[in-house]
Amino acid sequence: QVQLVESGGGLVQAGGSLRLSCAASGRTFSGYAMGWFRQAPGKEREFVASIVRSGGRTADSVKGRFTISRGYAWNTVYLQMNSLKPEDTAVYYCAGSESMQLVNPTWRYWGQGTQVTVSS
């Protein structure tokens, strides 16, 4: 059974930083796309960042502030979030794919989410 478990969320003041982690188990994601999404209250889930072996990409709304990376074993993915803004408040979800596409892969696996709250 594949599991994605996020950690690292919490409450932070505007301008602060958080680092989210996602640990995958049950299968290897080496070479496959992993990513982060978020969902704010009353809004649809939106793409934040994704990464494959050749590189990563981030949404325009977080570009220059958020960085996605993967651990050595490629079954862990991180999201470093700097210069946080109140509008970054959301539940952040980790996602895993069986595709090597960086752009719009089919996301098959999802974590339960971790809450990030940014106070003004």
PDB file of N, CA and C in Angstrom:
ATOM      1  N   GLN A   1       0.849  -1.190   0.000  1.00  0.00           N
ATOM      2  CA  GLN A   1       0.000   0.000   0.000  1.00  0.00           C
ATOM      3  C   GLN A   1       0.886   1.241   0.000  1.00  0.00           C
ATOM      4  N   VAL A   2       0.642   2.114  -0.957  1.00  0.00           N
ATOM      5  CA  VAL A   2       1.435   3.328  -1.071  1.00  0.00           C
ATOM      6  C   VAL A   2       0.915   4.374  -0.090  1.00  0.00           C
ATOM      7  N   GLN A   3       1.839   4.973   0.633  1.00  0.00           N
ATOM      8  CA  GLN A   3       1.482   6.052   1.564  1.00  0.00           C
ATOM      9  C   GLN A   3       2.403   7.243   1.366  1.00  0.00           C
ATOM     10  N   LEU A   4       1.817   8.415   1.389  1.00  0.00           N
ATOM     11  CA  LEU A   4       2.566   9.671   1.377  1.00  0.00           C
ATOM     12  C   LEU A   4       2.202  10.400   2.663  1.00  0.00           C
ATOM     13  N   VAL A   5       3.211  10.738   3.452  1.00  0.00           N
ATOM     14  CA  VAL A   5       2.969  11.364   4.748  1.00  0.00           C
ATOM     15  C   VAL A   5       3.701  12.703   4.800  1.00  0.00           C
ATOM     16  N   GLU A   6       2.912  13.763   4.938  1.00  0.00           N
ATOM     17  CA  GLU A   6       3.487  15.107   5.012  1.00  0.00           C
ATOM     18  C   GLU A   6       3.760  15.488   6.463  1.00  0.00           C
ATOM     19  N   SER A   7       4.742  16.374   6.637  1.00  0.00           N
ATOM     20  CA  SER A   7       5.038  16.941   7.945  1.00  0.00           C
ATOM     21  C   SER A   7       5.658  18.317   7.748  1.00  0.00           C
ATOM     22  N   GLY A   8       5.711  19.066   8.837  1.00  0.00           N
ATOM     23  CA  GLY A   8       6.386  20.356   8.802  1.00  0.00           C
ATOM     24  C   GLY A   8       5.481  21.567   8.755  1.00  0.00           C
ATOM     25  N   GLY A   9       4.179  21.342   8.681  1.00  0.00           N
ATOM     26  CA  GLY A   9       3.272  22.485   8.661  1.00  0.00           C
ATOM     27  C   GLY A   9       3.191  23.143  10.031  1.00  0.00           C
ATOM     28  N   GLY A  10       2.507  24.288  10.081  1.00  0.00           N
ATOM     29  CA  GLY A  10       2.362  24.977  11.350  1.00  0.00           C
ATOM     30  C   GLY A  10       1.949  26.412  11.154  1.00  0.00           C
ATOM     31  N   LEU A  11       2.090  27.169  12.229  1.00  0.00           N
ATOM     32  CA  LEU A  11       1.733  28.588  12.232  1.00  0.00           C
ATOM     33  C   LEU A  11       3.008  29.417  12.180  1.00  0.00           C
ATOM     34  N   VAL A  12       3.034  30.387  11.279  1.00  0.00           N
ATOM     35  CA  VAL A  12       4.212  31.232  11.121  1.00  0.00           C
ATOM     36  C   VAL A  12       3.762  32.653  10.797  1.00  0.00           C
ATOM     37  N   GLN A  13       4.567  33.615  11.182  1.00  0.00           N
ATOM     38  CA  GLN A  13       4.241  35.006  10.851  1.00  0.00           C
ATOM     39  C   GLN A  13       4.616  35.311   9.409  1.00  0.00           C
ATOM     40  N   ALA A  14       3.951  36.292   8.849  1.00  0.00           N
ATOM     41  CA  ALA A  14       4.274  36.726   7.491  1.00  0.00           C
ATOM     42  C   ALA A  14       5.759  37.093   7.398  1.00  0.00           C
ATOM     43  N   GLY A  15       6.381  36.650   6.318  1.00  0.00           N
ATOM     44  CA  GLY A  15       7.802  36.878   6.136  1.00  0.00           C
ATOM     45  C   GLY A  15       8.665  35.727   6.628  1.00  0.00           C
ATOM     46  N   GLY A  16       8.058  34.809   7.347  1.00  0.00           N
ATOM     47  CA  GLY A  16       8.788  33.673   7.892  1.00  0.00           C
ATOM     48  C   GLY A  16       8.941  32.534   6.899  1.00  0.00           C
ATOM     49  N   SER A  17       9.507  31.443   7.399  1.00  0.00           N
ATOM     50  CA  SER A  17       9.803  30.282   6.555  1.00  0.00           C
ATOM     51  C   SER A  17       9.308  29.000   7.209  1.00  0.00           C
ATOM     52  N   LEU A  18       8.994  28.033   6.368  1.00  0.00           N
ATOM     53  CA  LEU A  18       8.680  26.678   6.796  1.00  0.00           C
ATOM     54  C   LEU A  18       9.242  25.713   5.769  1.00  0.00           C
ATOM     55  N   ARG A  19       9.537  24.508   6.228  1.00  0.00           N
ATOM     56  CA  ARG A  19       9.978  23.458   5.315  1.00  0.00           C
ATOM     57  C   ARG A  19       9.067  22.259   5.472  1.00  0.00           C
ATOM     58  N   LEU A  20       8.364  21.921   4.416  1.00  0.00           N
ATOM     59  CA  LEU A  20       7.491  20.758   4.426  1.00  0.00           C
ATOM     60  C   LEU A  20       8.265  19.540   3.914  1.00  0.00           C
ATOM     61  N   SER A  21       7.949  18.389   4.489  1.00  0.00           N
ATOM     62  CA  SER A  21       8.535  17.131   4.050  1.00  0.00           C
ATOM     63  C   SER A  21       7.422  16.149   3.700  1.00  0.00           C
ATOM     64  N   CYS A  22       7.728  15.284   2.756  1.00  0.00           N
ATOM     65  CA  CYS A  22       6.793  14.225   2.386  1.00  0.00           C
ATOM     66  C   CYS A  22       7.591  12.945   2.228  1.00  0.00           C
ATOM     67  N   ALA A  23       7.227  11.945   3.023  1.00  0.00           N
ATOM     68  CA  ALA A  23       7.899  10.658   2.964  1.00  0.00           C
ATOM     69  C   ALA A  23       6.973   9.644   2.310  1.00  0.00           C
ATOM     70  N   ALA A  24       7.481   8.978   1.285  1.00  0.00           N
ATOM     71  CA  ALA A  24       6.698   7.985   0.558  1.00  0.00           C
ATOM     72  C   ALA A  24       7.122   6.585   0.964  1.00  0.00           C
ATOM     73  N   SER A  25       6.163   5.692   1.048  1.00  0.00           N
ATOM     74  CA  SER A  25       6.446   4.294   1.337  1.00  0.00           C
ATOM     75  C   SER A  25       5.506   3.421   0.519  1.00  0.00           C
ATOM     76  N   GLY A  26       5.880   2.159   0.364  1.00  0.00           N
ATOM     77  CA  GLY A  26       5.034   1.226  -0.366  1.00  0.00           C
ATOM     78  C   GLY A  26       5.438   1.028  -1.810  1.00  0.00           C
ATOM     79  N   ARG A  27       6.202   1.954  -2.361  1.00  0.00           N
ATOM     80  CA  ARG A  27       6.757   1.811  -3.703  1.00  0.00           C
ATOM     81  C   ARG A  27       7.848   2.858  -3.858  1.00  0.00           C
ATOM     82  N   THR A  28       8.692   2.647  -4.878  1.00  0.00           N
ATOM     83  CA  THR A  28       9.716   3.629  -5.147  1.00  0.00           C
ATOM     84  C   THR A  28       9.211   4.649  -6.157  1.00  0.00           C
ATOM     85  N   PHE A  29       9.547   5.917  -5.916  1.00  0.00           N
ATOM     86  CA  PHE A  29       9.200   6.986  -6.851  1.00  0.00           C
ATOM     87  C   PHE A  29      10.432   7.498  -7.595  1.00  0.00           C
ATOM     88  N   SER A  30      11.492   6.709  -7.547  1.00  0.00           N
ATOM     89  CA  SER A  30      12.714   7.114  -8.218  1.00  0.00           C
ATOM     90  C   SER A  30      12.460   7.327  -9.705  1.00  0.00           C
ATOM     91  N   GLY A  31      12.759   8.552 -10.169  1.00  0.00           N
ATOM     92  CA  GLY A  31      12.559   8.866 -11.572  1.00  0.00           C
ATOM     93  C   GLY A  31      11.171   9.386 -11.891  1.00  0.00           C
ATOM     94  N   TYR A  32      10.229   9.177 -11.016  1.00  0.00           N
ATOM     95  CA  TYR A  32       8.857   9.615 -11.268  1.00  0.00           C
ATOM     96  C   TYR A  32       8.606  10.982 -10.632  1.00  0.00           C
ATOM     97  N   ALA A  33       7.593  11.645 -11.151  1.00  0.00           N
ATOM     98  CA  ALA A  33       7.267  12.976 -10.660  1.00  0.00           C
ATOM     99  C   ALA A  33       6.644  12.922  -9.273  1.00  0.00           C
ATOM    100  N   MET A  34       7.051  13.879  -8.448  1.00  0.00           N
ATOM    101  CA  MET A  34       6.391  14.130  -7.166  1.00  0.00           C
ATOM    102  C   MET A  34       6.107  15.623  -7.094  1.00  0.00           C
ATOM    103  N   GLY A  35       5.134  15.975  -6.306  1.00  0.00           N
ATOM    104  CA  GLY A  35       4.757  17.381  -6.303  1.00  0.00           C
ATOM    105  C   GLY A  35       4.042  17.806  -5.044  1.00  0.00           C
ATOM    106  N   TRP A  36       3.739  19.103  -5.011  1.00  0.00           N
ATOM    107  CA  TRP A  36       2.984  19.707  -3.914  1.00  0.00           C
ATOM    108  C   TRP A  36       1.819  20.494  -4.480  1.00  0.00           C
ATOM    109  N   PHE A  37       0.703  20.384  -3.812  1.00  0.00           N
ATOM    110  CA  PHE A  37      -0.490  21.152  -4.115  1.00  0.00           C
ATOM    111  C   PHE A  37      -0.977  21.797  -2.824  1.00  0.00           C
ATOM    112  N   ARG A  38      -1.878  22.748  -2.939  1.00  0.00           N
ATOM    113  CA  ARG A  38      -2.465  23.349  -1.743  1.00  0.00           C
ATOM    114  C   ARG A  38      -3.925  23.693  -1.994  1.00  0.00           C
ATOM    115  N   GLN A  39      -4.666  23.745  -0.899  1.00  0.00           N
ATOM    116  CA  GLN A  39      -6.078  24.104  -0.978  1.00  0.00           C
ATOM    117  C   GLN A  39      -6.417  25.024   0.183  1.00  0.00           C
ATOM    118  N   ALA A  40      -6.813  26.234  -0.157  1.00  0.00           N
ATOM    119  CA  ALA A  40      -7.239  27.208   0.838  1.00  0.00           C
ATOM    120  C   ALA A  40      -8.741  27.073   1.071  1.00  0.00           C
ATOM    121  N   PRO A  41      -9.235  27.513   2.210  1.00  0.00           N
ATOM    122  CA  PRO A  41     -10.667  27.415   2.501  1.00  0.00           C
ATOM    123  C   PRO A  41     -11.510  28.064   1.409  1.00  0.00           C
ATOM    124  N   GLY A  42     -12.490  27.323   0.900  1.00  0.00           N
ATOM    125  CA  GLY A  42     -13.388  27.853  -0.109  1.00  0.00           C
ATOM    126  C   GLY A  42     -12.818  27.916  -1.511  1.00  0.00           C
ATOM    127  N   LYS A  43     -11.605  27.383  -1.684  1.00  0.00           N
ATOM    128  CA  LYS A  43     -10.977  27.427  -3.001  1.00  0.00           C
ATOM    129  C   LYS A  43     -10.658  26.028  -3.491  1.00  0.00           C
ATOM    130  N   GLU A  44     -10.394  25.914  -4.794  1.00  0.00           N
ATOM    131  CA  GLU A  44     -10.023  24.629  -5.359  1.00  0.00           C
ATOM    132  C   GLU A  44      -8.553  24.328  -5.071  1.00  0.00           C
ATOM    133  N   ARG A  45      -8.230  23.052  -5.102  1.00  0.00           N
ATOM    134  CA  ARG A  45      -6.843  22.656  -4.944  1.00  0.00           C
ATOM    135  C   ARG A  45      -6.039  23.194  -6.116  1.00  0.00           C
ATOM    136  N   GLU A  46      -4.844  23.738  -5.817  1.00  0.00           N
ATOM    137  CA  GLU A  46      -4.017  24.305  -6.878  1.00  0.00           C
ATOM    138  C   GLU A  46      -2.595  23.754  -6.831  1.00  0.00           C
ATOM    139  N   PHE A  47      -1.991  23.729  -7.983  1.00  0.00           N
ATOM    140  CA  PHE A  47      -0.612  23.262  -8.130  1.00  0.00           C
ATOM    141  C   PHE A  47       0.346  24.252  -7.476  1.00  0.00           C
ATOM    142  N   VAL A  48       1.359  23.717  -6.782  1.00  0.00           N
ATOM    143  CA  VAL A  48       2.391  24.553  -6.186  1.00  0.00           C
ATOM    144  C   VAL A  48       3.749  24.278  -6.831  1.00  0.00           C
ATOM    145  N   ALA A  49       4.137  23.011  -6.896  1.00  0.00           N
ATOM    146  CA  ALA A  49       5.451  22.678  -7.434  1.00  0.00           C
ATOM    147  C   ALA A  49       5.506  21.199  -7.781  1.00  0.00           C
ATOM    148  N   SER A  50       6.398  20.855  -8.710  1.00  0.00           N
ATOM    149  CA  SER A  50       6.640  19.463  -9.052  1.00  0.00           C
ATOM    150  C   SER A  50       8.103  19.281  -9.394  1.00  0.00           C
ATOM    151  N   ILE A  51       8.545  18.017  -9.351  1.00  0.00           N
ATOM    152  CA  ILE A  51       9.959  17.742  -9.601  1.00  0.00           C
ATOM    153  C   ILE A  51      10.125  16.356 -10.195  1.00  0.00           C
ATOM    154  N   VAL A  52      11.043  16.261 -11.142  1.00  0.00           N
ATOM    155  CA  VAL A  52      11.490  14.992 -11.707  1.00  0.00           C
ATOM    156  C   VAL A  52      13.016  15.028 -11.697  1.00  0.00           C
ATOM    157  N   ARG A  53      13.651  13.976 -12.231  1.00  0.00           N
ATOM    158  CA  ARG A  53      15.116  13.920 -12.168  1.00  0.00           C
ATOM    159  C   ARG A  53      15.776  15.106 -12.861  1.00  0.00           C
ATOM    160  N   SER A  54      15.165  15.558 -13.952  1.00  0.00           N
ATOM    161  CA  SER A  54      15.817  16.599 -14.756  1.00  0.00           C
ATOM    162  C   SER A  54      15.585  17.997 -14.222  1.00  0.00           C
ATOM    163  N   GLY A  55      14.705  18.131 -13.260  1.00  0.00           N
ATOM    164  CA  GLY A  55      14.469  19.465 -12.714  1.00  0.00           C
ATOM    165  C   GLY A  55      13.106  19.612 -12.089  1.00  0.00           C
ATOM    166  N   GLY A  56      12.793  20.857 -11.705  1.00  0.00           N
ATOM    167  CA  GLY A  56      11.518  21.117 -11.061  1.00  0.00           C
ATOM    168  C   GLY A  56      10.878  22.373 -11.607  1.00  0.00           C
ATOM    169  N   ARG A  57       9.646  22.594 -11.201  1.00  0.00           N
ATOM    170  CA  ARG A  57       8.937  23.804 -11.588  1.00  0.00           C
ATOM    171  C   ARG A  57       8.041  24.231 -10.452  1.00  0.00           C
ATOM    172  N   THR A  58       7.767  25.543 -10.385  1.00  0.00           N
ATOM    173  CA  THR A  58       6.883  26.079  -9.362  1.00  0.00           C
ATOM    174  C   THR A  58       5.832  26.963 -10.006  1.00  0.00           C
ATOM    175  N   ALA A  59       4.712  27.101  -9.332  1.00  0.00           N
ATOM    176  CA  ALA A  59       3.653  27.980  -9.799  1.00  0.00           C
ATOM    177  C   ALA A  59       4.121  29.431  -9.755  1.00  0.00           C
ATOM    178  N   ASP A  60       3.550  30.241 -10.620  1.00  0.00           N
ATOM    179  CA  ASP A  60       3.933  31.656 -10.664  1.00  0.00           C
ATOM    180  C   ASP A  60       3.701  32.349  -9.326  1.00  0.00           C
ATOM    181  N   SER A  61       2.679  31.923  -8.608  1.00  0.00           N
ATOM    182  CA  SER A  61       2.322  32.570  -7.343  1.00  0.00           C
ATOM    183  C   SER A  61       3.361  32.369  -6.250  1.00  0.00           C
ATOM    184  N   VAL A  62       4.218  31.372  -6.400  1.00  0.00           N
ATOM    185  CA  VAL A  62       5.225  31.097  -5.368  1.00  0.00           C
ATOM    186  C   VAL A  62       6.640  31.167  -5.915  1.00  0.00           C
ATOM    187  N   LYS A  63       6.774  31.474  -7.179  1.00  0.00           N
ATOM    188  CA  LYS A  63       8.095  31.494  -7.815  1.00  0.00           C
ATOM    189  C   LYS A  63       9.011  32.493  -7.112  1.00  0.00           C
ATOM    190  N   GLY A  64      10.229  32.039  -6.846  1.00  0.00           N
ATOM    191  CA  GLY A  64      11.197  32.891  -6.164  1.00  0.00           C
ATOM    192  C   GLY A  64      11.111  32.816  -4.650  1.00  0.00           C
ATOM    193  N   ARG A  65      10.032  32.216  -4.136  1.00  0.00           N
ATOM    194  CA  ARG A  65       9.870  32.092  -2.682  1.00  0.00           C
ATOM    195  C   ARG A  65       9.888  30.635  -2.236  1.00  0.00           C
ATOM    196  N   PHE A  66       9.339  29.736  -3.041  1.00  0.00           N
ATOM    197  CA  PHE A  66       9.272  28.319  -2.705  1.00  0.00           C
ATOM    198  C   PHE A  66      10.248  27.542  -3.570  1.00  0.00           C
ATOM    199  N   THR A  67      10.847  26.510  -2.977  1.00  0.00           N
ATOM    200  CA  THR A  67      11.766  25.633  -3.702  1.00  0.00           C
ATOM    201  C   THR A  67      11.413  24.184  -3.405  1.00  0.00           C
ATOM    202  N   ILE A  68      11.303  23.385  -4.454  1.00  0.00           N
ATOM    203  CA  ILE A  68      11.037  21.953  -4.280  1.00  0.00           C
ATOM    204  C   ILE A  68      12.340  21.186  -4.482  1.00  0.00           C
ATOM    205  N   SER A  69      12.518  20.142  -3.679  1.00  0.00           N
ATOM    206  CA  SER A  69      13.705  19.303  -3.815  1.00  0.00           C
ATOM    207  C   SER A  69      13.355  17.887  -3.371  1.00  0.00           C
ATOM    208  N   ARG A  70      14.262  16.939  -3.689  1.00  0.00           N
ATOM    209  CA  ARG A  70      14.035  15.556  -3.303  1.00  0.00           C
ATOM    210  C   ARG A  70      15.221  15.041  -2.509  1.00  0.00           C
ATOM    211  N   GLY A  71      14.935  14.087  -1.667  1.00  0.00           N
ATOM    212  CA  GLY A  71      15.973  13.475  -0.867  1.00  0.00           C
ATOM    213  C   GLY A  71      16.827  12.527  -1.687  1.00  0.00           C
ATOM    214  N   TYR A  72      17.920  12.058  -1.094  1.00  0.00           N
ATOM    215  CA  TYR A  72      18.882  11.197  -1.785  1.00  0.00           C
ATOM    216  C   TYR A  72      18.232   9.927  -2.297  1.00  0.00           C
ATOM    217  N   ALA A  73      17.334   9.366  -1.542  1.00  0.00           N
ATOM    218  CA  ALA A  73      16.693   8.109  -1.925  1.00  0.00           C
ATOM    219  C   ALA A  73      15.524   8.324  -2.868  1.00  0.00           C
ATOM    220  N   TRP A  74      15.207   9.534  -3.170  1.00  0.00           N
ATOM    221  CA  TRP A  74      14.155   9.912  -4.118  1.00  0.00           C
ATOM    222  C   TRP A  74      12.765   9.496  -3.674  1.00  0.00           C
ATOM    223  N   ASN A  75      12.615   9.067  -2.435  1.00  0.00           N
ATOM    224  CA  ASN A  75      11.279   8.805  -1.917  1.00  0.00           C
ATOM    225  C   ASN A  75      10.857   9.841  -0.879  1.00  0.00           C
ATOM    226  N   THR A  76      11.599  10.919  -0.826  1.00  0.00           N
ATOM    227  CA  THR A  76      11.248  12.033   0.036  1.00  0.00           C
ATOM    228  C   THR A  76      11.277  13.298  -0.806  1.00  0.00           C
ATOM    229  N   VAL A  77      10.286  14.133  -0.619  1.00  0.00           N
ATOM    230  CA  VAL A  77      10.253  15.407  -1.333  1.00  0.00           C
ATOM    231  C   VAL A  77      10.039  16.515  -0.320  1.00  0.00           C
ATOM    232  N   TYR A  78      10.689  17.642  -0.559  1.00  0.00           N
ATOM    233  CA  TYR A  78      10.625  18.776   0.360  1.00  0.00           C
ATOM    234  C   TYR A  78      10.072  19.999  -0.360  1.00  0.00           C
ATOM    235  N   LEU A  79       9.497  20.877   0.427  1.00  0.00           N
ATOM    236  CA  LEU A  79       9.077  22.178  -0.077  1.00  0.00           C
ATOM    237  C   LEU A  79       9.571  23.233   0.899  1.00  0.00           C
ATOM    238  N   GLN A  80      10.598  23.964   0.497  1.00  0.00           N
ATOM    239  CA  GLN A  80      11.111  25.059   1.307  1.00  0.00           C
ATOM    240  C   GLN A  80      10.327  26.313   0.965  1.00  0.00           C
ATOM    241  N   MET A  81       9.687  26.881   1.967  1.00  0.00           N
ATOM    242  CA  MET A  81       8.817  28.041   1.742  1.00  0.00           C
ATOM    243  C   MET A  81       9.384  29.232   2.502  1.00  0.00           C
ATOM    244  N   ASN A  82       9.800  30.237   1.770  1.00  0.00           N
ATOM    245  CA  ASN A  82      10.356  31.465   2.353  1.00  0.00           C
ATOM    246  C   ASN A  82       9.448  32.648   2.050  1.00  0.00           C
ATOM    247  N   SER A  83       9.658  33.714   2.780  1.00  0.00           N
ATOM    248  CA  SER A  83       8.878  34.947   2.577  1.00  0.00           C
ATOM    249  C   SER A  83       7.383  34.654   2.511  1.00  0.00           C
ATOM    250  N   LEU A  84       6.914  33.901   3.466  1.00  0.00           N
ATOM    251  CA  LEU A  84       5.514  33.475   3.452  1.00  0.00           C
ATOM    252  C   LEU A  84       4.565  34.654   3.610  1.00  0.00           C
ATOM    253  N   LYS A  85       3.429  34.533   2.952  1.00  0.00           N
ATOM    254  CA  LYS A  85       2.399  35.568   2.963  1.00  0.00           C
ATOM    255  C   LYS A  85       1.098  34.977   3.519  1.00  0.00           C
ATOM    256  N   PRO A  86       0.233  35.804   4.059  1.00  0.00           N
ATOM    257  CA  PRO A  86      -1.054  35.277   4.553  1.00  0.00           C
ATOM    258  C   PRO A  86      -1.823  34.502   3.483  1.00  0.00           C
ATOM    259  N   GLU A  87      -1.687  34.884   2.235  1.00  0.00           N
ATOM    260  CA  GLU A  87      -2.390  34.173   1.162  1.00  0.00           C
ATOM    261  C   GLU A  87      -1.812  32.802   0.866  1.00  0.00           C
ATOM    262  N   ASP A  88      -0.700  32.452   1.496  1.00  0.00           N
ATOM    263  CA  ASP A  88      -0.153  31.100   1.381  1.00  0.00           C
ATOM    264  C   ASP A  88      -0.834  30.139   2.355  1.00  0.00           C
ATOM    265  N   THR A  89      -1.690  30.659   3.218  1.00  0.00           N
ATOM    266  CA  THR A  89      -2.405  29.808   4.164  1.00  0.00           C
ATOM    267  C   THR A  89      -3.273  28.796   3.430  1.00  0.00           C
ATOM    268  N   ALA A  90      -3.062  27.522   3.741  1.00  0.00           N
ATOM    269  CA  ALA A  90      -3.780  26.445   3.048  1.00  0.00           C
ATOM    270  C   ALA A  90      -3.370  25.112   3.661  1.00  0.00           C
ATOM    271  N   VAL A  91      -4.083  24.080   3.258  1.00  0.00           N
ATOM    272  CA  VAL A  91      -3.621  22.716   3.513  1.00  0.00           C
ATOM    273  C   VAL A  91      -2.751  22.322   2.328  1.00  0.00           C
ATOM    274  N   TYR A  92      -1.541  21.864   2.632  1.00  0.00           N
ATOM    275  CA  TYR A  92      -0.596  21.483   1.592  1.00  0.00           C
ATOM    276  C   TYR A  92      -0.565  19.965   1.464  1.00  0.00           C
ATOM    277  N   TYR A  93      -0.681  19.500   0.222  1.00  0.00           N
ATOM    278  CA  TYR A  93      -0.733  18.076  -0.064  1.00  0.00           C
ATOM    279  C   TYR A  93       0.466  17.643  -0.906  1.00  0.00           C
ATOM    280  N   CYS A  94       1.007  16.504  -0.561  1.00  0.00           N
ATOM    281  CA  CYS A  94       2.042  15.862  -1.353  1.00  0.00           C
ATOM    282  C   CYS A  94       1.375  14.930  -2.358  1.00  0.00           C
ATOM    283  N   ALA A  95       1.953  14.833  -3.556  1.00  0.00           N
ATOM    284  CA  ALA A  95       1.394  13.978  -4.595  1.00  0.00           C
ATOM    285  C   ALA A  95       2.503  13.195  -5.276  1.00  0.00           C
ATOM    286  N   GLY A  96       2.168  11.977  -5.695  1.00  0.00           N
ATOM    287  CA  GLY A  96       3.103  11.135  -6.414  1.00  0.00           C
ATOM    288  C   GLY A  96       2.511  10.633  -7.713  1.00  0.00           C
ATOM    289  N   SER A  97       3.375  10.438  -8.685  1.00  0.00           N
ATOM    290  CA  SER A  97       2.934  10.027 -10.013  1.00  0.00           C
ATOM    291  C   SER A  97       3.704   8.798 -10.468  1.00  0.00           C
ATOM    292  N   GLU A  98       3.200   8.139 -11.484  1.00  0.00           N
ATOM    293  CA  GLU A  98       3.939   7.074 -12.143  1.00  0.00           C
ATOM    294  C   GLU A  98       4.388   7.532 -13.520  1.00  0.00           C
ATOM    295  N   SER A  99       4.456   8.828 -13.694  1.00  0.00           N
ATOM    296  CA  SER A  99       4.908   9.442 -14.934  1.00  0.00           C
ATOM    297  C   SER A  99       6.210  10.186 -14.687  1.00  0.00           C
ATOM    298  N   MET A 100       7.012  10.319 -15.736  1.00  0.00           N
ATOM    299  CA  MET A 100       8.244  11.089 -15.650  1.00  0.00           C
ATOM    300  C   MET A 100       8.065  12.495 -16.219  1.00  0.00           C
ATOM    301  N   GLN A 101       6.832  12.860 -16.499  1.00  0.00           N
ATOM    302  CA  GLN A 101       6.550  14.189 -17.017  1.00  0.00           C
ATOM    303  C   GLN A 101       6.639  15.215 -15.903  1.00  0.00           C
ATOM    304  N   LEU A 102       7.284  16.320 -16.172  1.00  0.00           N
ATOM    305  CA  LEU A 102       7.349  17.402 -15.197  1.00  0.00           C
ATOM    306  C   LEU A 102       6.064  18.225 -15.215  1.00  0.00           C
ATOM    307  N   VAL A 103       5.508  18.387 -16.393  1.00  0.00           N
ATOM    308  CA  VAL A 103       4.317  19.223 -16.553  1.00  0.00           C
ATOM    309  C   VAL A 103       3.072  18.348 -16.669  1.00  0.00           C
ATOM    310  N   ASN A 104       2.139  18.580 -15.768  1.00  0.00           N
ATOM    311  CA  ASN A 104       0.837  17.890 -15.787  1.00  0.00           C
ATOM    312  C   ASN A 104       0.906  16.373 -15.870  1.00  0.00           C
ATOM    313  N   PRO A 105       1.713  15.716 -15.035  1.00  0.00           N
ATOM    314  CA  PRO A 105       1.622  14.266 -14.993  1.00  0.00           C
ATOM    315  C   PRO A 105       0.310  13.862 -14.330  1.00  0.00           C
ATOM    316  N   THR A 106      -0.066  12.616 -14.471  1.00  0.00           N
ATOM    317  CA  THR A 106      -1.249  12.123 -13.767  1.00  0.00           C
ATOM    318  C   THR A 106      -0.845  11.831 -12.331  1.00  0.00           C
ATOM    319  N   TRP A 107      -1.477  12.552 -11.402  1.00  0.00           N
ATOM    320  CA  TRP A 107      -1.149  12.374 -10.002  1.00  0.00           C
ATOM    321  C   TRP A 107      -2.024  11.257  -9.425  1.00  0.00           C
ATOM    322  N   ARG A 108      -1.368  10.161  -9.073  1.00  0.00           N
ATOM    323  CA  ARG A 108      -2.116   8.983  -8.651  1.00  0.00           C
ATOM    324  C   ARG A 108      -2.194   8.841  -7.145  1.00  0.00           C
ATOM    325  N   TYR A 109      -1.190   9.335  -6.449  1.00  0.00           N
ATOM    326  CA  TYR A 109      -1.117   9.130  -5.003  1.00  0.00           C
ATOM    327  C   TYR A 109      -1.130  10.484  -4.292  1.00  0.00           C
ATOM    328  N   TRP A 110      -1.834  10.536  -3.159  1.00  0.00           N
ATOM    329  CA  TRP A 110      -1.966  11.776  -2.408  1.00  0.00           C
ATOM    330  C   TRP A 110      -1.765  11.531  -0.919  1.00  0.00           C
ATOM    331  N   GLY A 111      -1.158  12.503  -0.259  1.00  0.00           N
ATOM    332  CA  GLY A 111      -1.068  12.460   1.185  1.00  0.00           C
ATOM    333  C   GLY A 111      -2.315  13.056   1.812  1.00  0.00           C
ATOM    334  N   GLN A 112      -2.345  13.053   3.138  1.00  0.00           N
ATOM    335  CA  GLN A 112      -3.499  13.555   3.867  1.00  0.00           C
ATOM    336  C   GLN A 112      -3.467  15.067   4.051  1.00  0.00           C
ATOM    337  N   GLY A 113      -2.327  15.666   3.853  1.00  0.00           N
ATOM    338  CA  GLY A 113      -2.218  17.112   3.944  1.00  0.00           C
ATOM    339  C   GLY A 113      -1.678  17.592   5.272  1.00  0.00           C
ATOM    340  N   THR A 114      -1.052  18.761   5.239  1.00  0.00           N
ATOM    341  CA  THR A 114      -0.552  19.412   6.448  1.00  0.00           C
ATOM    342  C   THR A 114      -0.940  20.888   6.379  1.00  0.00           C
ATOM    343  N   GLN A 115      -1.410  21.409   7.509  1.00  0.00           N
ATOM    344  CA  GLN A 115      -1.911  22.783   7.541  1.00  0.00           C
ATOM    345  C   GLN A 115      -0.764  23.766   7.674  1.00  0.00           C
ATOM    346  N   VAL A 116      -0.787  24.785   6.831  1.00  0.00           N
ATOM    347  CA  VAL A 116       0.134  25.912   6.937  1.00  0.00           C
ATOM    348  C   VAL A 116      -0.709  27.173   7.139  1.00  0.00           C
ATOM    349  N   THR A 117      -0.440  27.875   8.220  1.00  0.00           N
ATOM    350  CA  THR A 117      -1.161  29.108   8.518  1.00  0.00           C
ATOM    351  C   THR A 117      -0.155  30.241   8.662  1.00  0.00           C
ATOM    352  N   VAL A 118      -0.350  31.296   7.878  1.00  0.00           N
ATOM    353  CA  VAL A 118       0.539  32.447   7.914  1.00  0.00           C
ATOM    354  C   VAL A 118      -0.244  33.631   8.467  1.00  0.00           C
ATOM    355  N   SER A 119       0.211  34.148   9.597  1.00  0.00           N
ATOM    356  CA  SER A 119      -0.479  35.274  10.223  1.00  0.00           C
ATOM    357  C   SER A 119       0.121  36.598   9.760  1.00  0.00           C
ATOM    358  N   SER A 120      -0.720  37.601   9.699  1.00  0.00           N
ATOM    359  CA  SER A 120      -0.259  38.915   9.232  1.00  0.00           C
ATOM    360  C   SER A 120       0.234  39.770  10.376  1.00  0.00           C
TER     361      SER A 120
END
